C-alpha cells in the first residue's frame, strides 16, 4: 500500500492528515474495486443502530448502501455515522464542500428511490 511505502522513509516525511487520509481512502477504493470483481458477500461493515429493524430490513438497507458508488457511500458514512459537517467531510476527503454536499444529495436521492421513501417525513 502507498501508506506503507510513504512511512518507510527514514526519517518519516512531514505529511498532513489530508494527505494520509487520501492515501488510505484510495487504498480502500482499490480494495473495493477488487472485491467487485468477485462475488460479493452481504454486509458493508456499517452497523446501523436501529433496534426495531428486522434482519430483512437491515439487509435491504445494506444492499441499498452497497449499490451506491464508493464516493457517495463514503460521504453518507461520514455525515450520518460520524456526524461530520460538509466542510469536515470536504477537508477529510480532499474535495470541495459543494462536491461533498452533491455526493450526499445524490446518495440520499438514490437511497430514497431504492427504498421507496419520499423523505417528506410523513
PDB file of N, CA and C in Angstrom:
ATOM      1  N   UNK A   1       0.846  -1.173   0.000  1.00  0.00           N
ATOM      2  CA  UNK A   1       0.000   0.000   0.000  1.00  0.00           C
ATOM      3  C   UNK A   1       0.894   1.239   0.000  1.00  0.00           C
ATOM      4  N   UNK A   2       0.419   2.320  -0.573  1.00  0.00           N
ATOM      5  CA  UNK A   2       1.207   3.537  -0.681  1.00  0.00           C
ATOM      6  C   UNK A   2       1.584   4.094   0.684  1.00  0.00           C
ATOM      7  N   UNK A   3       0.710   3.963   1.681  1.00  0.00           N
ATOM      8  CA  UNK A   3       0.989   4.485   3.010  1.00  0.00           C
ATOM      9  C   UNK A   3       2.206   3.792   3.602  1.00  0.00           C
ATOM     10  N   UNK A   4       2.290   2.477   3.440  1.00  0.00           N
ATOM     11  CA  UNK A   4       3.429   1.736   3.966  1.00  0.00           C
ATOM     12  C   UNK A   4       4.719   2.211   3.315  1.00  0.00           C
ATOM     13  N   UNK A   5       4.683   2.484   2.027  1.00  0.00           N
ATOM     14  CA  UNK A   5       5.860   2.977   1.319  1.00  0.00           C
ATOM     15  C   UNK A   5       6.236   4.365   1.821  1.00  0.00           C
ATOM     16  N   UNK A   6       5.227   5.224   1.992  1.00  0.00           N
ATOM     17  CA  UNK A   6       5.488   6.592   2.440  1.00  0.00           C
ATOM     18  C   UNK A   6       6.076   6.612   3.842  1.00  0.00           C
ATOM     19  N   UNK A   7       5.677   5.684   4.688  1.00  0.00           N
ATOM     20  CA  UNK A   7       6.150   5.678   6.074  1.00  0.00           C
ATOM     21  C   UNK A   7       7.472   4.944   6.252  1.00  0.00           C
ATOM     22  N   UNK A   8       7.995   4.295   5.229  1.00  0.00           N
ATOM     23  CA  UNK A   8       9.271   3.575   5.326  1.00  0.00           C
ATOM     24  C   UNK A   8      10.464   4.510   5.304  1.00  0.00           C
ATOM     25  N   UNK A   9      10.270   5.706   4.799  1.00  0.00           N
ATOM     26  CA  UNK A   9      11.376   6.653   4.709  1.00  0.00           C
ATOM     27  C   UNK A   9      11.928   6.939   6.091  1.00  0.00           C
ATOM     28  N   UNK A  10      13.235   7.195   6.133  1.00  0.00           N
ATOM     29  CA  UNK A  10      13.865   7.492   7.413  1.00  0.00           C
ATOM     30  C   UNK A  10      14.523   8.846   7.328  1.00  0.00           C
ATOM     31  N   UNK A  11      14.159   9.837   8.036  1.00  0.00           N
ATOM     32  CA  UNK A  11      13.034   9.911   8.955  1.00  0.00           C
ATOM     33  C   UNK A  11      11.719  10.058   8.183  1.00  0.00           C
ATOM     34  N   UNK A  12      10.601   9.761   8.851  1.00  0.00           N
ATOM     35  CA  UNK A  12       9.316   9.864   8.162  1.00  0.00           C
ATOM     36  C   UNK A  12       9.068  11.286   7.673  1.00  0.00           C
ATOM     37  N   UNK A  13       8.480  11.427   6.495  1.00  0.00           N
ATOM     38  CA  UNK A  13       8.221  12.768   5.979  1.00  0.00           C
ATOM     39  C   UNK A  13       7.113  13.453   6.774  1.00  0.00           C
ATOM     40  N   UNK A  14       7.151  14.773   6.796  1.00  0.00           N
ATOM     41  CA  UNK A  14       6.084  15.533   7.433  1.00  0.00           C
ATOM     42  C   UNK A  14       4.929  15.613   6.435  1.00  0.00           C
ATOM     43  N   UNK A  15       3.842  14.944   6.745  1.00  0.00           N
ATOM     44  CA  UNK A  15       2.697  14.934   5.845  1.00  0.00           C
ATOM     45  C   UNK A  15       1.462  15.378   6.615  1.00  0.00           C
ATOM     46  N   UNK A  16       0.526  15.935   5.885  1.00  0.00           N
ATOM     47  CA  UNK A  16      -0.713  16.397   6.501  1.00  0.00           C
ATOM     48  C   UNK A  16      -1.679  15.241   6.678  1.00  0.00           C
ATOM     49  N   UNK A  17      -2.649  15.440   7.540  1.00  0.00           N
ATOM     50  CA  UNK A  17      -3.691  14.434   7.741  1.00  0.00           C
ATOM     51  C   UNK A  17      -4.449  14.181   6.445  1.00  0.00           C
ATOM     52  N   UNK A  18      -4.736  15.254   5.705  1.00  0.00           N
ATOM     53  CA  UNK A  18      -5.482  15.113   4.453  1.00  0.00           C
ATOM     54  C   UNK A  18      -4.729  14.229   3.462  1.00  0.00           C
ATOM     55  N   UNK A  19      -3.402  14.369   3.410  1.00  0.00           N
ATOM     56  CA  UNK A  19      -2.588  13.566   2.507  1.00  0.00           C
ATOM     57  C   UNK A  19      -2.661  12.090   2.884  1.00  0.00           C
ATOM     58  N   UNK A  20      -2.484  11.801   4.170  1.00  0.00           N
ATOM     59  CA  UNK A  20      -2.534  10.411   4.633  1.00  0.00           C
ATOM     60  C   UNK A  20      -3.936   9.845   4.436  1.00  0.00           C
ATOM     61  N   UNK A  21      -4.962  10.646   4.736  1.00  0.00           N
ATOM     62  CA  UNK A  21      -6.341  10.192   4.565  1.00  0.00           C
ATOM     63  C   UNK A  21      -6.625   9.867   3.101  1.00  0.00           C
ATOM     64  N   UNK A  22      -6.097  10.682   2.189  1.00  0.00           N
ATOM     65  CA  UNK A  22      -6.304  10.432   0.763  1.00  0.00           C
ATOM     66  C   UNK A  22      -5.637   9.128   0.335  1.00  0.00           C
ATOM     67  N   UNK A  23      -4.453   8.855   0.854  1.00  0.00           N
ATOM     68  CA  UNK A  23      -3.753   7.611   0.524  1.00  0.00           C
ATOM     69  C   UNK A  23      -4.544   6.407   1.034  1.00  0.00           C
ATOM     70  N   UNK A  24      -5.011   6.496   2.274  1.00  0.00           N
ATOM     71  CA  UNK A  24      -5.779   5.394   2.855  1.00  0.00           C
ATOM     72  C   UNK A  24      -7.091   5.208   2.104  1.00  0.00           C
ATOM     73  N   UNK A  25      -7.781   6.320   1.810  1.00  0.00           N
ATOM     74  CA  UNK A  25      -9.053   6.247   1.084  1.00  0.00           C
ATOM     75  C   UNK A  25      -8.846   5.605  -0.286  1.00  0.00           C
ATOM     76  N   UNK A  26      -7.817   6.015  -0.995  1.00  0.00           N
ATOM     77  CA  UNK A  26      -7.554   5.443  -2.313  1.00  0.00           C
ATOM     78  C   UNK A  26      -7.240   3.955  -2.216  1.00  0.00           C
ATOM     79  N   UNK A  27      -6.510   3.571  -1.185  1.00  0.00           N
ATOM     80  CA  UNK A  27      -6.248   2.152  -0.973  1.00  0.00           C
ATOM     81  C   UNK A  27      -7.526   1.373  -0.708  1.00  0.00           C
ATOM     82  N   UNK A  28      -8.442   1.986   0.036  1.00  0.00           N
ATOM     83  CA  UNK A  28      -9.737   1.348   0.295  1.00  0.00           C
ATOM     84  C   UNK A  28     -10.545   1.222  -0.988  1.00  0.00           C
ATOM     85  N   UNK A  29     -10.515   2.254  -1.820  1.00  0.00           N
ATOM     86  CA  UNK A  29     -11.218   2.180  -3.104  1.00  0.00           C
ATOM     87  C   UNK A  29     -10.651   1.060  -3.956  1.00  0.00           C
ATOM     88  N   UNK A  30      -9.325   0.904  -3.952  1.00  0.00           N
ATOM     89  CA  UNK A  30      -8.707  -0.185  -4.701  1.00  0.00           C
ATOM     90  C   UNK A  30      -9.217  -1.535  -4.205  1.00  0.00           C
ATOM     91  N   UNK A  31      -9.297  -1.682  -2.888  1.00  0.00           N
ATOM     92  CA  UNK A  31      -9.790  -2.924  -2.309  1.00  0.00           C
ATOM     93  C   UNK A  31     -11.240  -3.170  -2.697  1.00  0.00           C
ATOM     94  N   UNK A  32     -12.062  -2.113  -2.649  1.00  0.00           N
ATOM     95  CA  UNK A  32     -13.469  -2.260  -3.041  1.00  0.00           C
ATOM     96  C   UNK A  32     -13.594  -2.661  -4.500  1.00  0.00           C
ATOM     97  N   UNK A  33     -12.773  -2.067  -5.368  1.00  0.00           N
ATOM     98  CA  UNK A  33     -12.826  -2.429  -6.782  1.00  0.00           C
ATOM     99  C   UNK A  33     -12.446  -3.896  -6.981  1.00  0.00           C
ATOM    100  N   UNK A  34     -11.463  -4.368  -6.245  1.00  0.00           N
ATOM    101  CA  UNK A  34     -11.061  -5.774  -6.350  1.00  0.00           C
ATOM    102  C   UNK A  34     -12.178  -6.690  -5.878  1.00  0.00           C
ATOM    103  N   UNK A  35     -12.874  -6.299  -4.816  1.00  0.00           N
ATOM    104  CA  UNK A  35     -13.972  -7.106  -4.295  1.00  0.00           C
ATOM    105  C   UNK A  35     -15.132  -7.175  -5.281  1.00  0.00           C
ATOM    106  N   UNK A  36     -15.361  -6.105  -6.039  1.00  0.00           N
ATOM    107  CA  UNK A  36     -16.468  -6.090  -7.007  1.00  0.00           C
ATOM    108  C   UNK A  36     -16.231  -7.072  -8.138  1.00  0.00           C
ATOM    109  N   UNK A  37     -14.988  -7.404  -8.377  1.00  0.00           N
ATOM    110  CA  UNK A  37     -14.668  -8.327  -9.467  1.00  0.00           C
ATOM    111  C   UNK A  37     -15.021  -9.766  -9.119  1.00  0.00           C
ATOM    112  N   UNK A  38     -15.159 -10.056  -7.826  1.00  0.00           N
ATOM    113  CA  UNK A  38     -15.553 -11.399  -7.422  1.00  0.00           C
ATOM    114  C   UNK A  38     -16.910 -11.334  -6.742  1.00  0.00           C
ATOM    115  N   UNK A  39     -17.556 -12.461  -6.551  1.00  0.00           N
ATOM    116  CA  UNK A  39     -18.888 -12.428  -5.927  1.00  0.00           C
ATOM    117  C   UNK A  39     -18.837 -11.701  -4.584  1.00  0.00           C
ATOM    118  N   UNK A  40     -19.830 -10.851  -4.372  1.00  0.00           N
ATOM    119  CA  UNK A  40     -19.847 -10.061  -3.145  1.00  0.00           C
ATOM    120  C   UNK A  40     -20.626 -10.775  -2.055  1.00  0.00           C
ATOM    121  N   UNK A  41     -20.225 -10.486  -0.846  1.00  0.00           N
ATOM    122  CA  UNK A  41     -20.924 -11.011   0.315  1.00  0.00           C
ATOM    123  C   UNK A  41     -21.752  -9.881   0.905  1.00  0.00           C
ATOM    124  N   UNK A  42     -22.890 -10.204   1.514  1.00  0.00           N
ATOM    125  CA  UNK A  42     -23.667  -9.133   2.132  1.00  0.00           C
ATOM    126  C   UNK A  42     -22.890  -8.511   3.280  1.00  0.00           C
ATOM    127  N   UNK A  43     -23.126  -7.240   3.497  1.00  0.00           N
ATOM    128  CA  UNK A  43     -22.512  -6.540   4.615  1.00  0.00           C
ATOM    129  C   UNK A  43     -21.435  -5.584   4.173  1.00  0.00           C
ATOM    130  N   UNK A  44     -21.517  -4.356   4.640  1.00  0.00           N
ATOM    131  CA  UNK A  44     -20.512  -3.340   4.323  1.00  0.00           C
ATOM    132  C   UNK A  44     -19.624  -3.039   5.508  1.00  0.00           C
ATOM    133  N   UNK A  45     -19.908  -3.634   6.628  1.00  0.00           N
ATOM    134  CA  UNK A  45     -19.180  -3.286   7.822  1.00  0.00           C
ATOM    135  C   UNK A  45     -19.755  -2.048   8.492  1.00  0.00           C
ATOM    136  N   UNK A  46     -20.919  -1.605   8.057  1.00  0.00           N
ATOM    137  CA  UNK A  46     -21.587  -0.467   8.677  1.00  0.00           C
ATOM    138  C   UNK A  46     -22.714  -1.027   9.529  1.00  0.00           C
ATOM    139  N   UNK A  47     -22.604  -0.830  10.815  1.00  0.00           N
ATOM    140  CA  UNK A  47     -23.641  -1.306  11.719  1.00  0.00           C
ATOM    141  C   UNK A  47     -24.625  -0.187  11.982  1.00  0.00           C
ATOM    142  N   UNK A  48     -25.841  -0.361  11.544  1.00  0.00           N
ATOM    143  CA  UNK A  48     -26.890   0.623  11.780  1.00  0.00           C
ATOM    144  C   UNK A  48     -27.451   0.408  13.177  1.00  0.00           C
ATOM    145  N   UNK A  49     -27.650   1.498  13.868  1.00  0.00           N
ATOM    146  CA  UNK A  49     -28.242   1.407  15.194  1.00  0.00           C
ATOM    147  C   UNK A  49     -29.735   1.623  15.063  1.00  0.00           C
ATOM    148  N   UNK A  50     -30.432   0.563  14.728  1.00  0.00           N
ATOM    149  CA  UNK A  50     -31.885   0.594  14.596  1.00  0.00           C
ATOM    150  C   UNK A  50     -32.419  -0.632  15.322  1.00  0.00           C
ATOM    151  N   UNK A  51     -32.644  -0.507  16.632  1.00  0.00           N
ATOM    152  CA  UNK A  51     -33.028  -1.689  17.412  1.00  0.00           C
ATOM    153  C   UNK A  51     -34.343  -2.319  16.974  1.00  0.00           C
ATOM    154  N   UNK A  52     -35.224  -1.552  16.348  1.00  0.00           N
ATOM    155  CA  UNK A  52     -36.518  -2.087  15.927  1.00  0.00           C
ATOM    156  C   UNK A  52     -36.472  -2.735  14.541  1.00  0.00           C
ATOM    157  N   UNK A  53     -35.361  -2.597  13.846  1.00  0.00           N
ATOM    158  CA  UNK A  53     -35.269  -3.116  12.478  1.00  0.00           C
ATOM    159  C   UNK A  53     -35.128  -4.638  12.494  1.00  0.00           C
ATOM    160  N   UNK A  54     -35.812  -5.264  11.563  1.00  0.00           N
ATOM    161  CA  UNK A  54     -35.687  -6.715  11.412  1.00  0.00           C
ATOM    162  C   UNK A  54     -34.418  -7.012  10.617  1.00  0.00           C
ATOM    163  N   UNK A  55     -34.022  -8.264  10.628  1.00  0.00           N
ATOM    164  CA  UNK A  55     -32.843  -8.668   9.859  1.00  0.00           C
ATOM    165  C   UNK A  55     -33.062  -8.402   8.371  1.00  0.00           C
ATOM    166  N   UNK A  56     -34.284  -8.649   7.897  1.00  0.00           N
ATOM    167  CA  UNK A  56     -34.610  -8.408   6.496  1.00  0.00           C
ATOM    168  C   UNK A  56     -34.455  -6.921   6.150  1.00  0.00           C
ATOM    169  N   UNK A  57     -34.942  -6.044   7.027  1.00  0.00           N
ATOM    170  CA  UNK A  57     -34.818  -4.605   6.784  1.00  0.00           C
ATOM    171  C   UNK A  57     -33.360  -4.173   6.770  1.00  0.00           C
ATOM    172  N   UNK A  58     -32.568  -4.729   7.663  1.00  0.00           N
ATOM    173  CA  UNK A  58     -31.138  -4.398   7.692  1.00  0.00           C
ATOM    174  C   UNK A  58     -30.442  -4.833   6.405  1.00  0.00           C
ATOM    175  N   UNK A  59     -30.809  -6.006   5.901  1.00  0.00           N
ATOM    176  CA  UNK A  59     -30.218  -6.491   4.653  1.00  0.00           C
ATOM    177  C   UNK A  59     -30.621  -5.614   3.476  1.00  0.00           C
ATOM    178  N   UNK A  60     -31.862  -5.132   3.474  1.00  0.00           N
ATOM    179  CA  UNK A  60     -32.329  -4.263   2.397  1.00  0.00           C
ATOM    180  C   UNK A  60     -31.555  -2.944   2.408  1.00  0.00           C
ATOM    181  N   UNK A  61     -31.393  -2.356   3.598  1.00  0.00           N
ATOM    182  CA  UNK A  61     -30.647  -1.097   3.710  1.00  0.00           C
ATOM    183  C   UNK A  61     -29.187  -1.326   3.335  1.00  0.00           C
ATOM    184  N   UNK A  62     -28.627  -2.439   3.789  1.00  0.00           N
ATOM    185  CA  UNK A  62     -27.239  -2.764   3.469  1.00  0.00           C
ATOM    186  C   UNK A  62     -27.042  -2.895   1.967  1.00  0.00           C
ATOM    187  N   UNK A  63     -27.977  -3.549   1.284  1.00  0.00           N
ATOM    188  CA  UNK A  63     -27.896  -3.705  -0.174  1.00  0.00           C
ATOM    189  C   UNK A  63     -28.026  -2.352  -0.863  1.00  0.00           C
ATOM    190  N   UNK A  64     -28.900  -1.486  -0.353  1.00  0.00           N
ATOM    191  CA  UNK A  64     -29.066  -0.152  -0.948  1.00  0.00           C
ATOM    192  C   UNK A  64     -27.783   0.664  -0.786  1.00  0.00           C
ATOM    193  N   UNK A  65     -27.148   0.568   0.371  1.00  0.00           N
ATOM    194  CA  UNK A  65     -25.878   1.276   0.580  1.00  0.00           C
ATOM    195  C   UNK A  65     -24.784   0.708  -0.320  1.00  0.00           C
ATOM    196  N   UNK A  66     -24.758  -0.602  -0.471  1.00  0.00           N
ATOM    197  CA  UNK A  66     -23.736  -1.247  -1.307  1.00  0.00           C
ATOM    198  C   UNK A  66     -23.877  -0.860  -2.771  1.00  0.00           C
ATOM    199  N   UNK A  67     -25.099  -0.525  -3.195  1.00  0.00           N
ATOM    200  CA  UNK A  67     -25.333  -0.155  -4.591  1.00  0.00           C
ATOM    201  C   UNK A  67     -24.840   1.249  -4.914  1.00  0.00           C
ATOM    202  N   UNK A  68     -24.579   2.053  -3.894  1.00  0.00           N
ATOM    203  CA  UNK A  68     -24.085   3.417  -4.126  1.00  0.00           C
ATOM    204  C   UNK A  68     -22.641   3.383  -4.601  1.00  0.00           C
ATOM    205  N   UNK A  69     -22.239   4.370  -5.412  1.00  0.00           N
ATOM    206  CA  UNK A  69     -20.816   4.490  -5.737  1.00  0.00           C
ATOM    207  C   UNK A  69     -20.017   4.718  -4.451  1.00  0.00           C
ATOM    208  N   UNK A  70     -18.792   4.251  -4.426  1.00  0.00           N
ATOM    209  CA  UNK A  70     -17.965   4.323  -3.216  1.00  0.00           C
ATOM    210  C   UNK A  70     -17.844   5.749  -2.684  1.00  0.00           C
ATOM    211  N   UNK A  71     -17.726   6.730  -3.571  1.00  0.00           N
ATOM    212  CA  UNK A  71     -17.570   8.118  -3.132  1.00  0.00           C
ATOM    213  C   UNK A  71     -18.819   8.618  -2.407  1.00  0.00           C
ATOM    214  N   UNK A  72     -19.991   8.240  -2.901  1.00  0.00           N
ATOM    215  CA  UNK A  72     -21.239   8.641  -2.244  1.00  0.00           C
ATOM    216  C   UNK A  72     -21.412   7.898  -0.924  1.00  0.00           C
ATOM    217  N   UNK A  73     -21.071   6.624  -0.913  1.00  0.00           N
ATOM    218  CA  UNK A  73     -21.173   5.830   0.307  1.00  0.00           C
ATOM    219  C   UNK A  73     -20.263   6.396   1.397  1.00  0.00           C
ATOM    220  N   UNK A  74     -19.086   6.846   0.992  1.00  0.00           N
ATOM    221  CA  UNK A  74     -18.148   7.428   1.946  1.00  0.00           C
ATOM    222  C   UNK A  74     -18.738   8.681   2.584  1.00  0.00           C
ATOM    223  N   UNK A  75     -19.334   9.559   1.771  1.00  0.00           N
ATOM    224  CA  UNK A  75     -19.918  10.793   2.295  1.00  0.00           C
ATOM    225  C   UNK A  75     -21.102  10.471   3.207  1.00  0.00           C
ATOM    226  N   UNK A  76     -21.933   9.515   2.815  1.00  0.00           N
ATOM    227  CA  UNK A  76     -23.056   9.103   3.670  1.00  0.00           C
ATOM    228  C   UNK A  76     -22.530   8.626   5.019  1.00  0.00           C
ATOM    229  N   UNK A  77     -21.507   7.784   4.988  1.00  0.00           N
ATOM    230  CA  UNK A  77     -20.949   7.265   6.237  1.00  0.00           C
ATOM    231  C   UNK A  77     -20.428   8.397   7.120  1.00  0.00           C
ATOM    232  N   UNK A  78     -19.652   9.293   6.536  1.00  0.00           N
ATOM    233  CA  UNK A  78     -19.068  10.380   7.326  1.00  0.00           C
ATOM    234  C   UNK A  78     -20.132  11.319   7.884  1.00  0.00           C
ATOM    235  N   UNK A  79     -21.171  11.584   7.096  1.00  0.00           N
ATOM    236  CA  UNK A  79     -22.233  12.505   7.530  1.00  0.00           C
ATOM    237  C   UNK A  79     -23.147  11.847   8.560  1.00  0.00           C
ATOM    238  N   UNK A  80     -23.631  10.648   8.253  1.00  0.00           N
ATOM    239  CA  UNK A  80     -24.643  10.015   9.098  1.00  0.00           C
ATOM    240  C   UNK A  80     -24.029   9.321  10.308  1.00  0.00           C
ATOM    241  N   UNK A  81     -22.990   8.523  10.093  1.00  0.00           N
ATOM    242  CA  UNK A  81     -22.467   7.700  11.170  1.00  0.00           C
ATOM    243  C   UNK A  81     -21.392   8.399  11.996  1.00  0.00           C
ATOM    244  N   UNK A  82     -20.656   9.330  11.403  1.00  0.00           N
ATOM    245  CA  UNK A  82     -19.648  10.055  12.163  1.00  0.00           C
ATOM    246  C   UNK A  82     -20.088  11.466  12.516  1.00  0.00           C
ATOM    247  N   UNK A  83     -21.182  11.944  11.914  1.00  0.00           N
ATOM    248  CA  UNK A  83     -21.728  13.246  12.260  1.00  0.00           C
ATOM    249  C   UNK A  83     -20.891  14.434  11.821  1.00  0.00           C
ATOM    250  N   UNK A  84     -20.099  14.269  10.766  1.00  0.00           N
ATOM    251  CA  UNK A  84     -19.251  15.365  10.293  1.00  0.00           C
ATOM    252  C   UNK A  84     -20.070  16.371   9.480  1.00  0.00           C
ATOM    253  N   UNK A  85     -19.609  17.599   9.467  1.00  0.00           N
ATOM    254  CA  UNK A  85     -20.211  18.626   8.606  1.00  0.00           C
ATOM    255  C   UNK A  85     -19.671  18.440   7.194  1.00  0.00           C
ATOM    256  N   UNK A  86     -20.320  19.101   6.228  1.00  0.00           N
ATOM    257  CA  UNK A  86     -19.824  19.007   4.853  1.00  0.00           C
ATOM    258  C   UNK A  86     -18.420  19.592   4.739  1.00  0.00           C
ATOM    259  N   UNK A  87     -18.118  20.629   5.497  1.00  0.00           N
ATOM    260  CA  UNK A  87     -16.763  21.208   5.475  1.00  0.00           C
ATOM    261  C   UNK A  87     -15.752  20.195   6.005  1.00  0.00           C
ATOM    262  N   UNK A  88     -16.082  19.496   7.087  1.00  0.00           N
ATOM    263  CA  UNK A  88     -15.182  18.481   7.640  1.00  0.00           C
ATOM    264  C   UNK A  88     -15.008  17.313   6.669  1.00  0.00           C
ATOM    265  N   UNK A  89     -16.092  16.920   6.008  1.00  0.00           N
ATOM    266  CA  UNK A  89     -16.012  15.849   5.014  1.00  0.00           C
ATOM    267  C   UNK A  89     -15.119  16.279   3.857  1.00  0.00           C
ATOM    268  N   UNK A  90     -15.316  17.516   3.396  1.00  0.00           N
ATOM    269  CA  UNK A  90     -14.503  18.041   2.290  1.00  0.00           C
ATOM    270  C   UNK A  90     -13.029  18.044   2.660  1.00  0.00           C
ATOM    271  N   UNK A  91     -12.717  18.503   3.858  1.00  0.00           N
ATOM    272  CA  UNK A  91     -11.326  18.533   4.302  1.00  0.00           C
ATOM    273  C   UNK A  91     -10.741  17.133   4.401  1.00  0.00           C
ATOM    274  N   UNK A  92     -11.504  16.210   4.939  1.00  0.00           N
ATOM    275  CA  UNK A  92     -11.018  14.845   5.125  1.00  0.00           C
ATOM    276  C   UNK A  92     -10.815  14.133   3.793  1.00  0.00           C
ATOM    277  N   UNK A  93     -11.714  14.380   2.834  1.00  0.00           N
ATOM    278  CA  UNK A  93     -11.663  13.664   1.551  1.00  0.00           C
ATOM    279  C   UNK A  93     -10.862  14.397   0.481  1.00  0.00           C
ATOM    280  N   UNK A  94     -10.488  15.647   0.757  1.00  0.00           N
ATOM    281  CA  UNK A  94      -9.747  16.407  -0.243  1.00  0.00           C
ATOM    282  C   UNK A  94     -10.607  16.840  -1.413  1.00  0.00           C
ATOM    283  N   UNK A  95     -11.878  17.153  -1.128  1.00  0.00           N
ATOM    284  CA  UNK A  95     -12.811  17.598  -2.158  1.00  0.00           C
ATOM    285  C   UNK A  95     -13.399  18.934  -1.725  1.00  0.00           C
ATOM    286  N   UNK A  96     -14.153  19.574  -2.615  1.00  0.00           N
ATOM    287  CA  UNK A  96     -14.783  20.830  -2.245  1.00  0.00           C
ATOM    288  C   UNK A  96     -16.034  20.570  -1.409  1.00  0.00           C
ATOM    289  N   UNK A  97     -16.471  21.588  -0.692  1.00  0.00           N
ATOM    290  CA  UNK A  97     -17.696  21.483   0.100  1.00  0.00           C
ATOM    291  C   UNK A  97     -18.884  21.188  -0.815  1.00  0.00           C
ATOM    292  N   UNK A  98     -18.919  21.837  -1.976  1.00  0.00           N
ATOM    293  CA  UNK A  98     -20.014  21.604  -2.921  1.00  0.00           C
ATOM    294  C   UNK A  98     -20.035  20.155  -3.406  1.00  0.00           C
ATOM    295  N   UNK A  99     -18.866  19.573  -3.634  1.00  0.00           N
ATOM    296  CA  UNK A  99     -18.800  18.181  -4.067  1.00  0.00           C
ATOM    297  C   UNK A  99     -19.296  17.259  -2.962  1.00  0.00           C
ATOM    298  N   UNK A 100     -18.897  17.525  -1.727  1.00  0.00           N
ATOM    299  CA  UNK A 100     -19.365  16.717  -0.595  1.00  0.00           C
ATOM    300  C   UNK A 100     -20.887  16.797  -0.483  1.00  0.00           C
ATOM    301  N   UNK A 101     -21.409  18.004  -0.589  1.00  0.00           N
ATOM    302  CA  UNK A 101     -22.854  18.208  -0.498  1.00  0.00           C
ATOM    303  C   UNK A 101     -23.585  17.504  -1.645  1.00  0.00           C
ATOM    304  N   UNK A 102     -23.047  17.615  -2.847  1.00  0.00           N
ATOM    305  CA  UNK A 102     -23.669  16.974  -4.014  1.00  0.00           C
ATOM    306  C   UNK A 102     -23.668  15.460  -3.886  1.00  0.00           C
ATOM    307  N   UNK A 103     -22.558  14.900  -3.445  1.00  0.00           N
ATOM    308  CA  UNK A 103     -22.494  13.450  -3.280  1.00  0.00           C
ATOM    309  C   UNK A 103     -23.516  12.973  -2.258  1.00  0.00           C
ATOM    310  N   UNK A 104     -23.670  13.741  -1.188  1.00  0.00           N
ATOM    311  CA  UNK A 104     -24.665  13.396  -0.171  1.00  0.00           C
ATOM    312  C   UNK A 104     -26.075  13.470  -0.758  1.00  0.00           C
ATOM    313  N   UNK A 105     -26.352  14.536  -1.493  1.00  0.00           N
ATOM    314  CA  UNK A 105     -27.672  14.718  -2.096  1.00  0.00           C
ATOM    315  C   UNK A 105     -27.983  13.595  -3.091  1.00  0.00           C
ATOM    316  N   UNK A 106     -27.014  13.266  -3.950  1.00  0.00           N
ATOM    317  CA  UNK A 106     -27.228  12.192  -4.926  1.00  0.00           C
ATOM    318  C   UNK A 106     -27.423  10.846  -4.216  1.00  0.00           C
ATOM    319  N   UNK A 107     -26.660  10.603  -3.175  1.00  0.00           N
ATOM    320  CA  UNK A 107     -26.764   9.340  -2.436  1.00  0.00           C
ATOM    321  C   UNK A 107     -28.112   9.216  -1.748  1.00  0.00           C
ATOM    322  N   UNK A 108     -28.560  10.289  -1.099  1.00  0.00           N
ATOM    323  CA  UNK A 108     -29.854  10.209  -0.413  1.00  0.00           C
ATOM    324  C   UNK A 108     -30.996  10.047  -1.426  1.00  0.00           C
ATOM    325  N   UNK A 109     -30.884  10.698  -2.580  1.00  0.00           N
ATOM    326  CA  UNK A 109     -31.907  10.534  -3.615  1.00  0.00           C
ATOM    327  C   UNK A 109     -31.936   9.087  -4.111  1.00  0.00           C
ATOM    328  N   UNK A 110     -30.766   8.496  -4.303  1.00  0.00           N
ATOM    329  CA  UNK A 110     -30.696   7.105  -4.755  1.00  0.00           C
ATOM    330  C   UNK A 110     -31.257   6.164  -3.697  1.00  0.00           C
ATOM    331  N   UNK A 111     -30.960   6.432  -2.435  1.00  0.00           N
ATOM    332  CA  UNK A 111     -31.489   5.593  -1.356  1.00  0.00           C
ATOM    333  C   UNK A 111     -33.009   5.715  -1.279  1.00  0.00           C
ATOM    334  N   UNK A 112     -33.515   6.929  -1.462  1.00  0.00           N
ATOM    335  CA  UNK A 112     -34.979   7.111  -1.449  1.00  0.00           C
ATOM    336  C   UNK A 112     -35.636   6.322  -2.575  1.00  0.00           C
ATOM    337  N   UNK A 113     -35.040   6.381  -3.777  1.00  0.00           N
ATOM    338  CA  UNK A 113     -35.583   5.623  -4.908  1.00  0.00           C
ATOM    339  C   UNK A 113     -35.530   4.112  -4.620  1.00  0.00           C
ATOM    340  N   UNK A 114     -34.400   3.656  -4.140  1.00  0.00           N
ATOM    341  CA  UNK A 114     -34.214   2.229  -3.894  1.00  0.00           C
ATOM    342  C   UNK A 114     -35.119   1.724  -2.774  1.00  0.00           C
ATOM    343  N   UNK A 115     -35.236   2.515  -1.727  1.00  0.00           N
ATOM    344  CA  UNK A 115     -36.007   2.078  -0.565  1.00  0.00           C
ATOM    345  C   UNK A 115     -37.475   2.472  -0.631  1.00  0.00           C
ATOM    346  N   UNK A 116     -37.829   3.275  -1.652  1.00  0.00           N
ATOM    347  CA  UNK A 116     -39.227   3.635  -1.850  1.00  0.00           C
ATOM    348  C   UNK A 116     -39.767   4.613  -0.832  1.00  0.00           C
ATOM    349  N   UNK A 117     -38.929   5.541  -0.352  1.00  0.00           N
ATOM    350  CA  UNK A 117     -39.394   6.555   0.584  1.00  0.00           C
ATOM    351  C   UNK A 117     -39.389   7.910  -0.090  1.00  0.00           C
ATOM    352  N   UNK A 118     -40.180   8.815   0.415  1.00  0.00           N
ATOM    353  CA  UNK A 118     -40.274  10.150  -0.172  1.00  0.00           C
ATOM    354  C   UNK A 118     -39.386  11.154   0.523  1.00  0.00           C
ATOM    355  N   UNK A 119     -39.014  10.878   1.764  1.00  0.00           N
ATOM    356  CA  UNK A 119     -38.178  11.809   2.503  1.00  0.00           C
ATOM    357  C   UNK A 119     -38.932  13.018   3.016  1.00  0.00           C
ATOM    358  N   UNK A 120     -40.262  12.966   2.994  1.00  0.00           N
ATOM    359  CA  UNK A 120     -41.044  14.104   3.457  1.00  0.00           C
ATOM    360  C   UNK A 120     -41.326  14.043   4.938  1.00  0.00           C
ATOM    361  N   UNK A 121     -41.035  12.894   5.560  1.00  0.00           N
ATOM    362  CA  UNK A 121     -41.268  12.753   6.980  1.00  0.00           C
ATOM    363  C   UNK A 121     -42.712  12.457   7.340  1.00  0.00           C
ATOM    364  N   UNK A 122     -43.546  12.178   6.359  1.00  0.00           N
ATOM    365  CA  UNK A 122     -44.952  11.846   6.634  1.00  0.00           C
ATOM    366  C   UNK A 122     -45.264  10.424   6.288  1.00  0.00           C
TER     367      UNK A 122
END
